[in-house]
Amino acid sequence: MTDAPIGFLMAISQNQSAMDRYSALSKPQRQELIDRAKRASSRREMQQIVDSLAHEG
């Protein structure tokens, strides 16, 4: 997760469900999520990405 934006790392570290789902993703899926996070234009958008990860399934 070292190339992930700091805002993404902070948001996901505060959401255990999102963290668990992130760890279960394949490497390409994780990279796709990181790329989405890099394109986020606000803190709110970053939080929405993390929230959507926590609620997938």
N, C-alpha and C. Protein backbone atom coordinates (compact mmCIF):
# COMPACT_ATOMS: atom_id res chain seq x y z
N MET A 1 0.82 -1.19 0.00
CA MET A 1 0.00 0.00 0.00
C MET A 1 0.85 1.25 0.00
N THR A 2 2.10 1.14 -0.27
CA THR A 2 3.00 2.28 -0.13
C THR A 2 2.76 3.37 -1.16
N ASP A 3 2.16 3.05 -2.31
CA ASP A 3 1.92 4.10 -3.30
C ASP A 3 0.53 4.71 -3.16
N ALA A 4 -0.19 4.35 -2.10
CA ALA A 4 -1.53 4.88 -1.86
C ALA A 4 -1.43 6.29 -1.27
N PRO A 5 -2.40 7.15 -1.64
CA PRO A 5 -2.41 8.50 -1.06
C PRO A 5 -2.59 8.45 0.46
N ILE A 6 -1.99 9.37 1.15
CA ILE A 6 -2.04 9.40 2.61
C ILE A 6 -3.48 9.51 3.11
N GLY A 7 -4.31 10.27 2.41
CA GLY A 7 -5.71 10.40 2.82
C GLY A 7 -6.44 9.07 2.77
N PHE A 8 -6.11 8.26 1.77
CA PHE A 8 -6.71 6.94 1.64
C PHE A 8 -6.24 6.06 2.80
N LEU A 9 -4.97 6.10 3.08
CA LEU A 9 -4.43 5.29 4.18
C LEU A 9 -5.05 5.67 5.51
N MET A 10 -5.22 6.96 5.73
CA MET A 10 -5.82 7.42 6.98
C MET A 10 -7.29 6.99 7.07
N ALA A 11 -8.02 7.14 5.98
CA ALA A 11 -9.44 6.79 5.99
C ALA A 11 -9.64 5.29 6.16
N ILE A 12 -8.86 4.50 5.45
CA ILE A 12 -9.04 3.04 5.53
C ILE A 12 -8.58 2.51 6.89
N SER A 13 -7.61 3.16 7.51
CA SER A 13 -7.13 2.70 8.82
C SER A 13 -8.18 2.92 9.90
N GLN A 14 -9.14 3.78 9.65
CA GLN A 14 -10.19 4.06 10.62
C GLN A 14 -11.46 3.25 10.36
N ASN A 15 -11.40 2.35 9.38
CA ASN A 15 -12.58 1.57 9.02
C ASN A 15 -12.16 0.10 8.89
N GLN A 16 -12.38 -0.66 9.93
CA GLN A 16 -11.91 -2.05 9.96
C GLN A 16 -12.52 -2.89 8.84
N SER A 17 -13.79 -2.68 8.55
CA SER A 17 -14.45 -3.44 7.49
C SER A 17 -13.79 -3.17 6.14
N ALA A 18 -13.51 -1.90 5.86
CA ALA A 18 -12.85 -1.54 4.61
C ALA A 18 -11.44 -2.12 4.56
N MET A 19 -10.74 -2.09 5.69
CA MET A 19 -9.38 -2.64 5.75
C MET A 19 -9.40 -4.14 5.47
N ASP A 20 -10.36 -4.84 6.08
CA ASP A 20 -10.47 -6.29 5.86
C ASP A 20 -10.76 -6.61 4.40
N ARG A 21 -11.68 -5.87 3.81
CA ARG A 21 -12.02 -6.12 2.40
C ARG A 21 -10.84 -5.76 1.49
N TYR A 22 -10.16 -4.68 1.80
CA TYR A 22 -8.99 -4.28 1.00
C TYR A 22 -7.95 -5.40 1.02
N SER A 23 -7.70 -5.96 2.20
CA SER A 23 -6.67 -7.02 2.28
C SER A 23 -7.06 -8.27 1.53
N ALA A 24 -8.37 -8.48 1.32
CA ALA A 24 -8.84 -9.67 0.62
C ALA A 24 -8.82 -9.49 -0.91
N LEU A 25 -8.59 -8.26 -1.37
CA LEU A 25 -8.58 -8.01 -2.81
C LEU A 25 -7.31 -8.56 -3.46
N SER A 26 -7.42 -8.87 -4.73
CA SER A 26 -6.23 -9.28 -5.49
C SER A 26 -5.36 -8.03 -5.72
N LYS A 27 -4.12 -8.25 -6.09
CA LYS A 27 -3.21 -7.13 -6.33
C LYS A 27 -3.76 -6.17 -7.40
N PRO A 28 -4.27 -6.67 -8.53
CA PRO A 28 -4.83 -5.75 -9.52
C PRO A 28 -6.05 -4.97 -8.99
N GLN A 29 -6.86 -5.61 -8.17
CA GLN A 29 -8.02 -4.92 -7.59
C GLN A 29 -7.57 -3.84 -6.61
N ARG A 30 -6.55 -4.14 -5.82
CA ARG A 30 -6.01 -3.14 -4.90
C ARG A 30 -5.45 -1.95 -5.67
N GLN A 31 -4.74 -2.23 -6.77
CA GLN A 31 -4.17 -1.15 -7.57
C GLN A 31 -5.26 -0.28 -8.18
N GLU A 32 -6.34 -0.91 -8.63
CA GLU A 32 -7.46 -0.15 -9.19
C GLU A 32 -8.06 0.78 -8.14
N LEU A 33 -8.19 0.30 -6.92
CA LEU A 33 -8.72 1.11 -5.84
C LEU A 33 -7.77 2.27 -5.51
N ILE A 34 -6.49 2.00 -5.47
CA ILE A 34 -5.50 3.05 -5.23
C ILE A 34 -5.56 4.10 -6.33
N ASP A 35 -5.71 3.65 -7.57
CA ASP A 35 -5.81 4.60 -8.68
C ASP A 35 -7.05 5.48 -8.54
N ARG A 36 -8.17 4.89 -8.12
CA ARG A 36 -9.38 5.69 -7.86
C ARG A 36 -9.11 6.71 -6.77
N ALA A 37 -8.43 6.28 -5.72
CA ALA A 37 -8.13 7.18 -4.61
C ALA A 37 -7.23 8.33 -5.08
N LYS A 38 -6.30 8.04 -5.94
CA LYS A 38 -5.40 9.09 -6.46
C LYS A 38 -6.16 10.12 -7.28
N ARG A 39 -7.26 9.70 -7.90
CA ARG A 39 -8.05 10.63 -8.71
C ARG A 39 -9.08 11.39 -7.88
N ALA A 40 -9.24 11.04 -6.62
CA ALA A 40 -10.21 11.72 -5.77
C ALA A 40 -9.84 13.20 -5.65
N SER A 41 -10.84 14.05 -5.78
CA SER A 41 -10.56 15.48 -5.77
C SER A 41 -10.86 16.14 -4.43
N SER A 42 -11.34 15.36 -3.47
CA SER A 42 -11.64 15.94 -2.17
C SER A 42 -11.58 14.85 -1.09
N ARG A 43 -11.54 15.30 0.14
CA ARG A 43 -11.54 14.37 1.27
C ARG A 43 -12.85 13.57 1.28
N ARG A 44 -13.93 14.25 0.97
CA ARG A 44 -15.24 13.58 0.93
C ARG A 44 -15.26 12.46 -0.10
N GLU A 45 -14.72 12.73 -1.28
CA GLU A 45 -14.68 11.71 -2.33
C GLU A 45 -13.81 10.52 -1.89
N MET A 46 -12.71 10.80 -1.23
CA MET A 46 -11.84 9.74 -0.72
C MET A 46 -12.60 8.89 0.30
N GLN A 47 -13.34 9.55 1.18
CA GLN A 47 -14.11 8.84 2.19
C GLN A 47 -15.20 7.99 1.54
N GLN A 48 -15.79 8.47 0.47
CA GLN A 48 -16.81 7.70 -0.24
C GLN A 48 -16.21 6.44 -0.85
N ILE A 49 -15.00 6.52 -1.34
CA ILE A 49 -14.32 5.35 -1.89
C ILE A 49 -14.12 4.31 -0.79
N VAL A 50 -13.66 4.74 0.36
CA VAL A 50 -13.44 3.83 1.49
C VAL A 50 -14.77 3.25 1.98
N ASP A 51 -15.78 4.12 2.09
CA ASP A 51 -17.09 3.66 2.54
C ASP A 51 -17.68 2.62 1.57
N SER A 52 -17.51 2.86 0.28
CA SER A 52 -18.05 1.90 -0.70
C SER A 52 -17.33 0.56 -0.59
N LEU A 53 -16.07 0.59 -0.28
CA LEU A 53 -15.31 -0.65 -0.09
C LEU A 53 -15.84 -1.40 1.12
N ALA A 54 -16.13 -0.68 2.18
CA ALA A 54 -16.62 -1.31 3.42
C ALA A 54 -18.00 -1.93 3.22
N HIS A 55 -18.76 -1.42 2.27
CA HIS A 55 -20.13 -1.89 2.10
C HIS A 55 -20.31 -2.80 0.91
N GLU A 56 -19.22 -3.14 0.22
CA GLU A 56 -19.30 -4.08 -0.90
C GLU A 56 -19.52 -5.48 -0.37
N GLY A 57 -20.05 -6.32 -1.23
CA GLY A 57 -20.15 -7.69 -0.83
C GLY A 57 -21.44 -8.27 -0.99
